[in-house]
Amino acid sequence: MSTGANRILDDFAKLMTDAAGAAQGVRREMEAAFRAQAEGWLNSLDVVKREEFEAVKEMAAKARDENDALLARIAALEARLAETGK
């Protein structure tokens, strides 16, 4: 009788293992579907990606620094011009 009980428990364990594997497969499919849906939704909103935002932010900071340097050069040139004009 113990072999019959062991076989039932083995079959039950196999069934639970198969069910867990199937549940993981369903979970992966649901995650992929959700990710695709969310990505499509975000693309329709014209939301920029983080990397793109950071790149533009860096470019703006560099342009601002260059602008400050040019303003300083212009001020120095105007001061020299004012001195020579006197």
C-alpha atoms as a PDB file:
ATOM      1  CA  MET A   1       0.000   0.000   0.000  1.00  0.00           C
ATOM      2  CA  SER A   2       2.846   2.376   0.630  1.00  0.00           C
ATOM      3  CA  THR A   3       3.893   2.275  -3.028  1.00  0.00           C
ATOM      4  CA  GLY A   4       0.415   3.349  -4.090  1.00  0.00           C
ATOM      5  CA  ALA A   5       0.492   6.264  -1.647  1.00  0.00           C
ATOM      6  CA  ASN A   6       3.991   7.215  -2.797  1.00  0.00           C
ATOM      7  CA  ARG A   7       2.885   7.132  -6.409  1.00  0.00           C
ATOM      8  CA  ILE A   8      -0.071   9.385  -5.660  1.00  0.00           C
ATOM      9  CA  LEU A   9       2.215  11.821  -3.825  1.00  0.00           C
ATOM     10  CA  ASP A  10       4.727  11.695  -6.703  1.00  0.00           C
ATOM     11  CA  ASP A  11       1.978  12.376  -9.223  1.00  0.00           C
ATOM     12  CA  PHE A  12       0.658  15.205  -7.068  1.00  0.00           C
ATOM     13  CA  ALA A  13       4.157  16.719  -6.740  1.00  0.00           C
ATOM     14  CA  LYS A  14       4.637  16.482 -10.509  1.00  0.00           C
ATOM     15  CA  LEU A  15       1.273  18.136 -11.068  1.00  0.00           C
ATOM     16  CA  MET A  16       2.182  20.986  -8.704  1.00  0.00           C
ATOM     17  CA  THR A  17       5.575  21.420 -10.396  1.00  0.00           C
ATOM     18  CA  ASP A  18       3.926  21.559 -13.819  1.00  0.00           C
ATOM     19  CA  ALA A  19       1.330  24.027 -12.524  1.00  0.00           C
ATOM     20  CA  ALA A  20       4.061  26.255 -11.078  1.00  0.00           C
ATOM     21  CA  GLY A  21       5.925  26.187 -14.397  1.00  0.00           C
ATOM     22  CA  ALA A  22       2.761  27.068 -16.291  1.00  0.00           C
ATOM     23  CA  ALA A  23       2.041  29.908 -13.864  1.00  0.00           C
ATOM     24  CA  GLN A  24       5.531  31.320 -14.416  1.00  0.00           C
ATOM     25  CA  GLY A  25       5.033  31.140 -18.174  1.00  0.00           C
ATOM     26  CA  VAL A  26       1.728  32.992 -17.901  1.00  0.00           C
ATOM     27  CA  ARG A  27       3.391  35.588 -15.660  1.00  0.00           C
ATOM     28  CA  ARG A  28       6.174  36.188 -18.208  1.00  0.00           C
ATOM     29  CA  GLU A  29       3.614  36.543 -21.005  1.00  0.00           C
ATOM     30  CA  MET A  30       1.556  38.983 -18.940  1.00  0.00           C
ATOM     31  CA  GLU A  31       4.646  41.050 -18.119  1.00  0.00           C
ATOM     32  CA  ALA A  32       5.655  41.163 -21.791  1.00  0.00           C
ATOM     33  CA  ALA A  33       2.140  42.173 -22.842  1.00  0.00           C
ATOM     34  CA  PHE A  34       1.956  44.835 -20.131  1.00  0.00           C
ATOM     35  CA  ARG A  35       5.397  46.197 -21.061  1.00  0.00           C
ATOM     36  CA  ALA A  36       4.426  46.396 -24.729  1.00  0.00           C
ATOM     37  CA  GLN A  37       1.135  48.112 -23.873  1.00  0.00           C
ATOM     38  CA  ALA A  38       2.829  50.606 -21.548  1.00  0.00           C
ATOM     39  CA  GLU A  39       5.539  51.349 -24.102  1.00  0.00           C
ATOM     40  CA  GLY A  40       2.930  51.970 -26.792  1.00  0.00           C
ATOM     41  CA  TRP A  41       0.978  54.232 -24.460  1.00  0.00           C
ATOM     42  CA  LEU A  42       4.073  56.233 -23.521  1.00  0.00           C
ATOM     43  CA  ASN A  43       5.083  56.563 -27.183  1.00  0.00           C
ATOM     44  CA  SER A  44       1.647  57.950 -28.000  1.00  0.00           C
ATOM     45  CA  LEU A  45       2.172  60.637 -25.337  1.00  0.00           C
ATOM     46  CA  ASP A  46       5.462  61.758 -26.903  1.00  0.00           C
ATOM     47  CA  VAL A  47       7.281  61.164 -23.618  1.00  0.00           C
ATOM     48  CA  VAL A  48      11.061  61.327 -23.977  1.00  0.00           C
ATOM     49  CA  LYS A  49      13.301  58.619 -22.646  1.00  0.00           C
ATOM     50  CA  ARG A  50      15.527  59.351 -19.675  1.00  0.00           C
ATOM     51  CA  GLU A  51      18.705  58.995 -21.745  1.00  0.00           C
ATOM     52  CA  GLU A  52      17.458  61.510 -24.308  1.00  0.00           C
ATOM     53  CA  PHE A  53      16.464  63.953 -21.573  1.00  0.00           C
ATOM     54  CA  GLU A  54      19.860  63.668 -19.889  1.00  0.00           C
ATOM     55  CA  ALA A  55      21.666  64.221 -23.231  1.00  0.00           C
ATOM     56  CA  VAL A  56      19.665  67.384 -23.975  1.00  0.00           C
ATOM     57  CA  LYS A  57      20.142  68.589 -20.403  1.00  0.00           C
ATOM     58  CA  GLU A  58      23.915  68.163 -20.817  1.00  0.00           C
ATOM     59  CA  MET A  59      23.856  70.037 -24.128  1.00  0.00           C
ATOM     60  CA  ALA A  60      21.903  72.902 -22.556  1.00  0.00           C
ATOM     61  CA  ALA A  61      24.371  73.173 -19.666  1.00  0.00           C
ATOM     62  CA  LYS A  62      27.303  73.257 -22.110  1.00  0.00           C
ATOM     63  CA  ALA A  63      25.575  75.919 -24.228  1.00  0.00           C
ATOM     64  CA  ARG A  64      24.866  77.973 -21.099  1.00  0.00           C
ATOM     65  CA  ASP A  65      28.552  77.773 -20.064  1.00  0.00           C
ATOM     66  CA  GLU A  66      29.682  78.793 -23.571  1.00  0.00           C
ATOM     67  CA  ASN A  67      27.189  81.676 -23.524  1.00  0.00           C
ATOM     68  CA  ASP A  68      28.540  82.891 -20.167  1.00  0.00           C
ATOM     69  CA  ALA A  69      32.112  82.723 -21.507  1.00  0.00           C
ATOM     70  CA  LEU A  70      31.132  84.702 -24.634  1.00  0.00           C
ATOM     71  CA  LEU A  71      29.346  87.327 -22.532  1.00  0.00           C
ATOM     72  CA  ALA A  72      32.499  87.744 -20.449  1.00  0.00           C
ATOM     73  CA  ARG A  73      34.633  88.127 -23.591  1.00  0.00           C
ATOM     74  CA  ILE A  74      32.227  90.725 -25.004  1.00  0.00           C
ATOM     75  CA  ALA A  75      32.291  92.663 -21.744  1.00  0.00           C
ATOM     76  CA  ALA A  76      36.101  92.616 -21.728  1.00  0.00           C
ATOM     77  CA  LEU A  77      36.257  93.754 -25.358  1.00  0.00           C
ATOM     78  CA  GLU A  78      33.770  96.566 -24.704  1.00  0.00           C
ATOM     79  CA  ALA A  79      35.811  97.667 -21.702  1.00  0.00           C
ATOM     80  CA  ARG A  80      39.004  97.737 -23.824  1.00  0.00           C
ATOM     81  CA  LEU A  81      37.169  99.668 -26.511  1.00  0.00           C
ATOM     82  CA  ALA A  82      35.923 102.178 -23.985  1.00  0.00           C
ATOM     83  CA  GLU A  83      39.474 102.672 -22.657  1.00  0.00           C
ATOM     84  CA  THR A  84      40.945 103.273 -26.119  1.00  0.00           C
ATOM     85  CA  GLY A  85      38.178 105.664 -27.002  1.00  0.00           C
ATOM     86  CA  LYS A  86      39.024 108.035 -24.155  1.00  0.00           C
END
